[in-house]
Amino acid sequence: MEASIIKIGNSKGLRLSKSILERYNINDKVEIILEKGRIILKPIDQPRKNWEAAFRKMHSDNDDQLLINDVFNNESFEEWK
């Protein structure tokens, strides 16, 4: 596949087609990897996407309890004031 480099203000850029963006799930950002004479564009996904909803569900299901005992359970924090 061949693509043209286009002028964008004082810079230049590469225009990707809608089909490429959708196929490779590219939204707002890509990671640029420079490797042995190649430029690799890697989509950056959102690793924390939907965490808030998942945490709310965990809380409503009472599934957000500590797995280990709290090490500061009987600690007095007065000396730290």
PDB file of N, CA and C in Angstrom:
ATOM      1  N   MET A   1       0.850  -1.172   0.000  1.00  0.00           N
ATOM      2  CA  MET A   1       0.000   0.000   0.000  1.00  0.00           C
ATOM      3  C   MET A   1       0.894   1.233   0.000  1.00  0.00           C
ATOM      4  N   GLU A   2       0.524   2.203  -0.745  1.00  0.00           N
ATOM      5  CA  GLU A   2       1.287   3.442  -0.838  1.00  0.00           C
ATOM      6  C   GLU A   2       0.435   4.588  -0.316  1.00  0.00           C
ATOM      7  N   ALA A   3       1.085   5.503   0.408  1.00  0.00           N
ATOM      8  CA  ALA A   3       0.379   6.673   0.936  1.00  0.00           C
ATOM      9  C   ALA A   3       1.267   7.893   0.740  1.00  0.00           C
ATOM     10  N   SER A   4       0.622   9.033   0.568  1.00  0.00           N
ATOM     11  CA  SER A   4       1.362  10.284   0.373  1.00  0.00           C
ATOM     12  C   SER A   4       1.560  11.004   1.702  1.00  0.00           C
ATOM     13  N   ILE A   5       2.689  11.668   1.820  1.00  0.00           N
ATOM     14  CA  ILE A   5       2.960  12.528   2.963  1.00  0.00           C
ATOM     15  C   ILE A   5       2.333  13.882   2.645  1.00  0.00           C
ATOM     16  N   ILE A   6       1.561  14.424   3.585  1.00  0.00           N
ATOM     17  CA  ILE A   6       0.862  15.689   3.347  1.00  0.00           C
ATOM     18  C   ILE A   6       1.386  16.771   4.283  1.00  0.00           C
ATOM     19  N   LYS A   7       1.253  18.009   3.862  1.00  0.00           N
ATOM     20  CA  LYS A   7       1.670  19.153   4.676  1.00  0.00           C
ATOM     21  C   LYS A   7       0.562  19.474   5.679  1.00  0.00           C
ATOM     22  N   ILE A   8       0.957  19.618   6.944  1.00  0.00           N
ATOM     23  CA  ILE A   8       0.032  20.005   8.021  1.00  0.00           C
ATOM     24  C   ILE A   8       0.693  21.143   8.776  1.00  0.00           C
ATOM     25  N   GLY A   9       0.333  22.374   8.454  1.00  0.00           N
ATOM     26  CA  GLY A   9       0.986  23.526   9.072  1.00  0.00           C
ATOM     27  C   GLY A   9       2.447  23.540   8.704  1.00  0.00           C
ATOM     28  N   ASN A  10       3.334  23.623   9.718  1.00  0.00           N
ATOM     29  CA  ASN A  10       4.774  23.594   9.485  1.00  0.00           C
ATOM     30  C   ASN A  10       5.330  22.176   9.463  1.00  0.00           C
ATOM     31  N   SER A  11       4.461  21.197   9.676  1.00  0.00           N
ATOM     32  CA  SER A  11       4.877  19.798   9.747  1.00  0.00           C
ATOM     33  C   SER A  11       4.368  19.034   8.538  1.00  0.00           C
ATOM     34  N   LYS A  12       4.626  17.767   8.544  1.00  0.00           N
ATOM     35  CA  LYS A  12       4.083  16.867   7.526  1.00  0.00           C
ATOM     36  C   LYS A  12       3.471  15.680   8.242  1.00  0.00           C
ATOM     37  N   GLY A  13       2.511  15.044   7.574  1.00  0.00           N
ATOM     38  CA  GLY A  13       1.828  13.932   8.212  1.00  0.00           C
ATOM     39  C   GLY A  13       1.436  12.866   7.218  1.00  0.00           C
ATOM     40  N   LEU A  14       0.905  11.802   7.733  1.00  0.00           N
ATOM     41  CA  LEU A  14       0.457  10.667   6.949  1.00  0.00           C
ATOM     42  C   LEU A  14      -1.035  10.495   7.193  1.00  0.00           C
ATOM     43  N   ARG A  15      -1.799  10.462   6.164  1.00  0.00           N
ATOM     44  CA  ARG A  15      -3.247  10.308   6.292  1.00  0.00           C
ATOM     45  C   ARG A  15      -3.584   8.824   6.175  1.00  0.00           C
ATOM     46  N   LEU A  16      -4.307   8.309   7.183  1.00  0.00           N
ATOM     47  CA  LEU A  16      -4.740   6.907   7.167  1.00  0.00           C
ATOM     48  C   LEU A  16      -6.223   6.851   6.832  1.00  0.00           C
ATOM     49  N   SER A  17      -6.603   5.898   6.025  1.00  0.00           N
ATOM     50  CA  SER A  17      -8.004   5.773   5.628  1.00  0.00           C
ATOM     51  C   SER A  17      -8.862   5.302   6.805  1.00  0.00           C
ATOM     52  N   LYS A  18     -10.136   5.574   6.697  1.00  0.00           N
ATOM     53  CA  LYS A  18     -11.088   5.172   7.733  1.00  0.00           C
ATOM     54  C   LYS A  18     -11.069   3.656   7.922  1.00  0.00           C
ATOM     55  N   SER A  19     -10.943   2.915   6.839  1.00  0.00           N
ATOM     56  CA  SER A  19     -10.941   1.451   6.942  1.00  0.00           C
ATOM     57  C   SER A  19      -9.729   0.934   7.724  1.00  0.00           C
ATOM     58  N   ILE A  20      -8.574   1.565   7.533  1.00  0.00           N
ATOM     59  CA  ILE A  20      -7.380   1.169   8.299  1.00  0.00           C
ATOM     60  C   ILE A  20      -7.571   1.502   9.772  1.00  0.00           C
ATOM     61  N   LEU A  21      -8.092   2.695  10.049  1.00  0.00           N
ATOM     62  CA  LEU A  21      -8.312   3.105  11.438  1.00  0.00           C
ATOM     63  C   LEU A  21      -9.259   2.144  12.140  1.00  0.00           C
ATOM     64  N   GLU A  22     -10.318   1.755  11.468  1.00  0.00           N
ATOM     65  CA  GLU A  22     -11.290   0.829  12.070  1.00  0.00           C
ATOM     66  C   GLU A  22     -10.718  -0.575  12.203  1.00  0.00           C
ATOM     67  N   ARG A  23     -10.041  -1.042  11.170  1.00  0.00           N
ATOM     68  CA  ARG A  23      -9.500  -2.408  11.184  1.00  0.00           C
ATOM     69  C   ARG A  23      -8.506  -2.622  12.319  1.00  0.00           C
ATOM     70  N   TYR A  24      -7.672  -1.609  12.576  1.00  0.00           N
ATOM     71  CA  TYR A  24      -6.634  -1.746  13.592  1.00  0.00           C
ATOM     72  C   TYR A  24      -6.982  -1.038  14.894  1.00  0.00           C
ATOM     73  N   ASN A  25      -8.231  -0.615  15.005  1.00  0.00           N
ATOM     74  CA  ASN A  25      -8.748  -0.012  16.240  1.00  0.00           C
ATOM     75  C   ASN A  25      -7.889   1.172  16.694  1.00  0.00           C
ATOM     76  N   ILE A  26      -7.591   2.066  15.754  1.00  0.00           N
ATOM     77  CA  ILE A  26      -6.814   3.264  16.044  1.00  0.00           C
ATOM     78  C   ILE A  26      -7.789   4.393  16.317  1.00  0.00           C
ATOM     79  N   ASN A  27      -7.699   5.000  17.491  1.00  0.00           N
ATOM     80  CA  ASN A  27      -8.600   6.081  17.856  1.00  0.00           C
ATOM     81  C   ASN A  27      -7.870   7.412  17.858  1.00  0.00           C
ATOM     82  N   ASP A  28      -7.311   7.802  18.979  1.00  0.00           N
ATOM     83  CA  ASP A  28      -6.699   9.120  19.113  1.00  0.00           C
ATOM     84  C   ASP A  28      -5.175   9.109  19.082  1.00  0.00           C
ATOM     85  N   LYS A  29      -4.572   8.018  19.514  1.00  0.00           N
ATOM     86  CA  LYS A  29      -3.115   7.992  19.639  1.00  0.00           C
ATOM     87  C   LYS A  29      -2.548   6.684  19.118  1.00  0.00           C
ATOM     88  N   VAL A  30      -1.290   6.760  18.646  1.00  0.00           N
ATOM     89  CA  VAL A  30      -0.539   5.568  18.275  1.00  0.00           C
ATOM     90  C   VAL A  30       0.849   5.662  18.896  1.00  0.00           C
ATOM     91  N   GLU A  31       1.441   4.530  19.127  1.00  0.00           N
ATOM     92  CA  GLU A  31       2.838   4.481  19.555  1.00  0.00           C
ATOM     93  C   GLU A  31       3.669   4.363  18.290  1.00  0.00           C
ATOM     94  N   ILE A  32       4.718   5.164  18.181  1.00  0.00           N
ATOM     95  CA  ILE A  32       5.600   5.117  17.019  1.00  0.00           C
ATOM     96  C   ILE A  32       6.852   4.348  17.420  1.00  0.00           C
ATOM     97  N   ILE A  33       7.111   3.260  16.706  1.00  0.00           N
ATOM     98  CA  ILE A  33       8.271   2.410  16.978  1.00  0.00           C
ATOM     99  C   ILE A  33       9.210   2.506  15.780  1.00  0.00           C
ATOM    100  N   LEU A  34      10.451   2.927  16.008  1.00  0.00           N
ATOM    101  CA  LEU A  34      11.460   3.021  14.953  1.00  0.00           C
ATOM    102  C   LEU A  34      12.357   1.802  15.071  1.00  0.00           C
ATOM    103  N   GLU A  35      12.379   1.005  14.001  1.00  0.00           N
ATOM    104  CA  GLU A  35      13.063  -0.285  14.100  1.00  0.00           C
ATOM    105  C   GLU A  35      13.685  -0.680  12.765  1.00  0.00           C
ATOM    106  N   LYS A  36      14.996  -0.741  12.693  1.00  0.00           N
ATOM    107  CA  LYS A  36      15.732  -1.238  11.525  1.00  0.00           C
ATOM    108  C   LYS A  36      15.181  -0.725  10.196  1.00  0.00           C
ATOM    109  N   GLY A  37      15.142   0.582  10.043  1.00  0.00           N
ATOM    110  CA  GLY A  37      14.691   1.158   8.785  1.00  0.00           C
ATOM    111  C   GLY A  37      13.188   1.111   8.577  1.00  0.00           C
ATOM    112  N   ARG A  38      12.436   0.825   9.617  1.00  0.00           N
ATOM    113  CA  ARG A  38      10.977   0.770   9.528  1.00  0.00           C
ATOM    114  C   ARG A  38      10.349   1.691  10.558  1.00  0.00           C
ATOM    115  N   ILE A  39       9.178   2.171  10.233  1.00  0.00           N
ATOM    116  CA  ILE A  39       8.369   2.935  11.181  1.00  0.00           C
ATOM    117  C   ILE A  39       7.110   2.109  11.431  1.00  0.00           C
ATOM    118  N   ILE A  40       6.889   1.752  12.668  1.00  0.00           N
ATOM    119  CA  ILE A  40       5.726   0.933  13.027  1.00  0.00           C
ATOM    120  C   ILE A  40       4.771   1.786  13.851  1.00  0.00           C
ATOM    121  N   LEU A  41       3.516   1.818  13.448  1.00  0.00           N
ATOM    122  CA  LEU A  41       2.467   2.507  14.203  1.00  0.00           C
ATOM    123  C   LEU A  41       1.674   1.453  14.957  1.00  0.00           C
ATOM    124  N   LYS A  42       1.635   1.582  16.266  1.00  0.00           N
ATOM    125  CA  LYS A  42       0.927   0.605  17.098  1.00  0.00           C
ATOM    126  C   LYS A  42      -0.190   1.328  17.845  1.00  0.00           C
ATOM    127  N   PRO A  43      -1.432   0.857  17.701  1.00  0.00           N
ATOM    128  CA  PRO A  43      -2.538   1.520  18.399  1.00  0.00           C
ATOM    129  C   PRO A  43      -2.320   1.513  19.909  1.00  0.00           C
ATOM    130  N   ILE A  44      -2.682   2.614  20.552  1.00  0.00           N
ATOM    131  CA  ILE A  44      -2.636   2.679  22.008  1.00  0.00           C
ATOM    132  C   ILE A  44      -4.066   2.504  22.494  1.00  0.00           C
ATOM    133  N   ASP A  45      -4.307   1.387  23.137  1.00  0.00           N
ATOM    134  CA  ASP A  45      -5.648   1.198  23.681  1.00  0.00           C
ATOM    135  C   ASP A  45      -5.736   1.857  25.045  1.00  0.00           C
ATOM    136  N   GLN A  46      -6.888   1.892  25.587  1.00  0.00           N
ATOM    137  CA  GLN A  46      -7.103   2.529  26.885  1.00  0.00           C
ATOM    138  C   GLN A  46      -7.178   1.432  27.940  1.00  0.00           C
ATOM    139  N   PRO A  47      -6.048   1.148  28.601  1.00  0.00           N
ATOM    140  CA  PRO A  47      -6.013   0.010  29.531  1.00  0.00           C
ATOM    141  C   PRO A  47      -6.976   0.137  30.708  1.00  0.00           C
ATOM    142  N   ARG A  48      -7.358   1.362  31.068  1.00  0.00           N
ATOM    143  CA  ARG A  48      -8.259   1.547  32.214  1.00  0.00           C
ATOM    144  C   ARG A  48      -9.682   1.883  31.787  1.00  0.00           C
ATOM    145  N   LYS A  49      -9.967   1.710  30.505  1.00  0.00           N
ATOM    146  CA  LYS A  49     -11.296   2.006  29.990  1.00  0.00           C
ATOM    147  C   LYS A  49     -12.320   1.106  30.694  1.00  0.00           C
ATOM    148  N   ASN A  50     -13.391   1.693  31.129  1.00  0.00           N
ATOM    149  CA  ASN A  50     -14.503   0.988  31.794  1.00  0.00           C
ATOM    150  C   ASN A  50     -14.175   0.499  33.207  1.00  0.00           C
ATOM    151  N   TRP A  51     -13.031   0.893  33.770  1.00  0.00           N
ATOM    152  CA  TRP A  51     -12.715   0.462  35.129  1.00  0.00           C
ATOM    153  C   TRP A  51     -13.726   0.997  36.128  1.00  0.00           C
ATOM    154  N   GLU A  52     -14.144   2.237  35.962  1.00  0.00           N
ATOM    155  CA  GLU A  52     -15.075   2.827  36.916  1.00  0.00           C
ATOM    156  C   GLU A  52     -16.357   2.008  36.997  1.00  0.00           C
ATOM    157  N   ALA A  53     -16.902   1.628  35.857  1.00  0.00           N
ATOM    158  CA  ALA A  53     -18.125   0.808  35.844  1.00  0.00           C
ATOM    159  C   ALA A  53     -17.872  -0.552  36.487  1.00  0.00           C
ATOM    160  N   ALA A  54     -16.707  -1.130  36.214  1.00  0.00           N
ATOM    161  CA  ALA A  54     -16.376  -2.434  36.801  1.00  0.00           C
ATOM    162  C   ALA A  54     -16.250  -2.333  38.317  1.00  0.00           C
ATOM    163  N   PHE A  55     -15.637  -1.261  38.802  1.00  0.00           N
ATOM    164  CA  PHE A  55     -15.502  -1.074  40.253  1.00  0.00           C
ATOM    165  C   PHE A  55     -16.862  -0.866  40.912  1.00  0.00           C
ATOM    166  N   ARG A  56     -17.729  -0.126  40.251  1.00  0.00           N
ATOM    167  CA  ARG A  56     -19.085   0.074  40.799  1.00  0.00           C
ATOM    168  C   ARG A  56     -19.826  -1.258  40.896  1.00  0.00           C
ATOM    169  N   LYS A  57     -19.691  -2.103  39.868  1.00  0.00           N
ATOM    170  CA  LYS A  57     -20.347  -3.415  39.878  1.00  0.00           C
ATOM    171  C   LYS A  57     -19.759  -4.285  40.985  1.00  0.00           C
ATOM    172  N   MET A  58     -18.436  -4.263  41.126  1.00  0.00           N
ATOM    173  CA  MET A  58     -17.809  -5.036  42.201  1.00  0.00           C
ATOM    174  C   MET A  58     -18.362  -4.604  43.556  1.00  0.00           C
ATOM    175  N   HIS A  59     -18.501  -3.289  43.748  1.00  0.00           N
ATOM    176  CA  HIS A  59     -19.005  -2.781  45.018  1.00  0.00           C
ATOM    177  C   HIS A  59     -20.456  -3.214  45.240  1.00  0.00           C
ATOM    178  N   SER A  60     -21.280  -3.109  44.212  1.00  0.00           N
ATOM    179  CA  SER A  60     -22.690  -3.482  44.365  1.00  0.00           C
ATOM    180  C   SER A  60     -22.845  -4.985  44.589  1.00  0.00           C
ATOM    181  N   ASP A  61     -21.892  -5.786  44.062  1.00  0.00           N
ATOM    182  CA  ASP A  61     -21.914  -7.244  44.277  1.00  0.00           C
ATOM    183  C   ASP A  61     -21.182  -7.649  45.554  1.00  0.00           C
ATOM    184  N   ASN A  62     -20.725  -6.647  46.325  1.00  0.00           N
ATOM    185  CA  ASN A  62     -19.951  -6.888  47.552  1.00  0.00           C
ATOM    186  C   ASN A  62     -18.705  -7.727  47.254  1.00  0.00           C
ATOM    187  N   ASP A  63     -18.094  -7.444  46.128  1.00  0.00           N
ATOM    188  CA  ASP A  63     -16.917  -8.189  45.684  1.00  0.00           C
ATOM    189  C   ASP A  63     -15.666  -7.322  45.728  1.00  0.00           C
ATOM    190  N   ASP A  64     -15.668  -6.314  46.597  1.00  0.00           N
ATOM    191  CA  ASP A  64     -14.516  -5.417  46.693  1.00  0.00           C
ATOM    192  C   ASP A  64     -13.883  -5.473  48.080  1.00  0.00           C
ATOM    193  N   GLN A  65     -13.866  -6.641  48.660  1.00  0.00           N
ATOM    194  CA  GLN A  65     -13.279  -6.837  49.986  1.00  0.00           C
ATOM    195  C   GLN A  65     -11.781  -7.103  49.865  1.00  0.00           C
ATOM    196  N   LEU A  66     -11.025  -6.758  50.910  1.00  0.00           N
ATOM    197  CA  LEU A  66      -9.586  -7.011  50.924  1.00  0.00           C
ATOM    198  C   LEU A  66      -9.308  -8.512  50.874  1.00  0.00           C
ATOM    199  N   LEU A  67      -8.286  -8.903  50.126  1.00  0.00           N
ATOM    200  CA  LEU A  67      -7.907 -10.304  50.040  1.00  0.00           C
ATOM    201  C   LEU A  67      -6.913 -10.691  51.135  1.00  0.00           C
ATOM    202  N   ILE A  68      -6.201  -9.697  51.681  1.00  0.00           N
ATOM    203  CA  ILE A  68      -5.282  -9.948  52.787  1.00  0.00           C
ATOM    204  C   ILE A  68      -5.646  -8.981  53.914  1.00  0.00           C
ATOM    205  N   ASN A  69      -5.247  -9.335  55.106  1.00  0.00           N
ATOM    206  CA  ASN A  69      -5.540  -8.475  56.243  1.00  0.00           C
ATOM    207  C   ASN A  69      -4.813  -7.142  56.116  1.00  0.00           C
ATOM    208  N   ASP A  70      -5.437  -6.110  56.594  1.00  0.00           N
ATOM    209  CA  ASP A  70      -4.843  -4.777  56.588  1.00  0.00           C
ATOM    210  C   ASP A  70      -3.702  -4.766  57.597  1.00  0.00           C
ATOM    211  N   VAL A  71      -2.490  -4.472  57.137  1.00  0.00           N
ATOM    212  CA  VAL A  71      -1.327  -4.515  58.035  1.00  0.00           C
ATOM    213  C   VAL A  71      -1.331  -3.369  59.034  1.00  0.00           C
ATOM    214  N   PHE A  72      -2.131  -2.331  58.795  1.00  0.00           N
ATOM    215  CA  PHE A  72      -2.186  -1.196  59.700  1.00  0.00           C
ATOM    216  C   PHE A  72      -3.456  -1.217  60.552  1.00  0.00           C
ATOM    217  N   ASN A  73      -4.060  -2.350  60.677  1.00  0.00           N
ATOM    218  CA  ASN A  73      -5.334  -2.474  61.373  1.00  0.00           C
ATOM    219  C   ASN A  73      -5.292  -1.922  62.795  1.00  0.00           C
ATOM    220  N   ASN A  74      -4.252  -2.255  63.557  1.00  0.00           N
ATOM    221  CA  ASN A  74      -4.163  -1.830  64.959  1.00  0.00           C
ATOM    222  C   ASN A  74      -3.103  -0.753  65.171  1.00  0.00           C
ATOM    223  N   GLU A  75      -2.695  -0.125  64.122  1.00  0.00           N
ATOM    224  CA  GLU A  75      -1.619   0.866  64.211  1.00  0.00           C
ATOM    225  C   GLU A  75      -2.168   2.215  64.666  1.00  0.00           C
ATOM    226  N   SER A  76      -1.385   2.884  65.500  1.00  0.00           N
ATOM    227  CA  SER A  76      -1.730   4.237  65.911  1.00  0.00           C
ATOM    228  C   SER A  76      -0.929   5.215  65.059  1.00  0.00           C
ATOM    229  N   PHE A  77      -1.619   6.150  64.445  1.00  0.00           N
ATOM    230  CA  PHE A  77      -0.948   7.123  63.587  1.00  0.00           C
ATOM    231  C   PHE A  77      -0.680   8.443  64.289  1.00  0.00           C
ATOM    232  N   GLU A  78      -0.879   8.498  65.589  1.00  0.00           N
ATOM    233  CA  GLU A  78      -0.662   9.720  66.348  1.00  0.00           C
ATOM    234  C   GLU A  78       0.770  10.228  66.225  1.00  0.00           C
ATOM    235  N   GLU A  79       1.729   9.313  66.222  1.00  0.00           N
ATOM    236  CA  GLU A  79       3.132   9.717  66.171  1.00  0.00           C
ATOM    237  C   GLU A  79       3.500  10.366  64.825  1.00  0.00           C
ATOM    238  N   TRP A  80       2.679  10.211  63.818  1.00  0.00           N
ATOM    239  CA  TRP A  80       2.958  10.761  62.509  1.00  0.00           C
ATOM    240  C   TRP A  80       2.417  12.164  62.315  1.00  0.00           C
ATOM    241  N   LYS A  81       1.715  12.674  63.289  1.00  0.00           N
ATOM    242  CA  LYS A  81       1.115  14.004  63.159  1.00  0.00           C
ATOM    243  C   LYS A  81       2.115  15.085  63.450  1.00  0.00           C
TER     244      LYS A  81
END
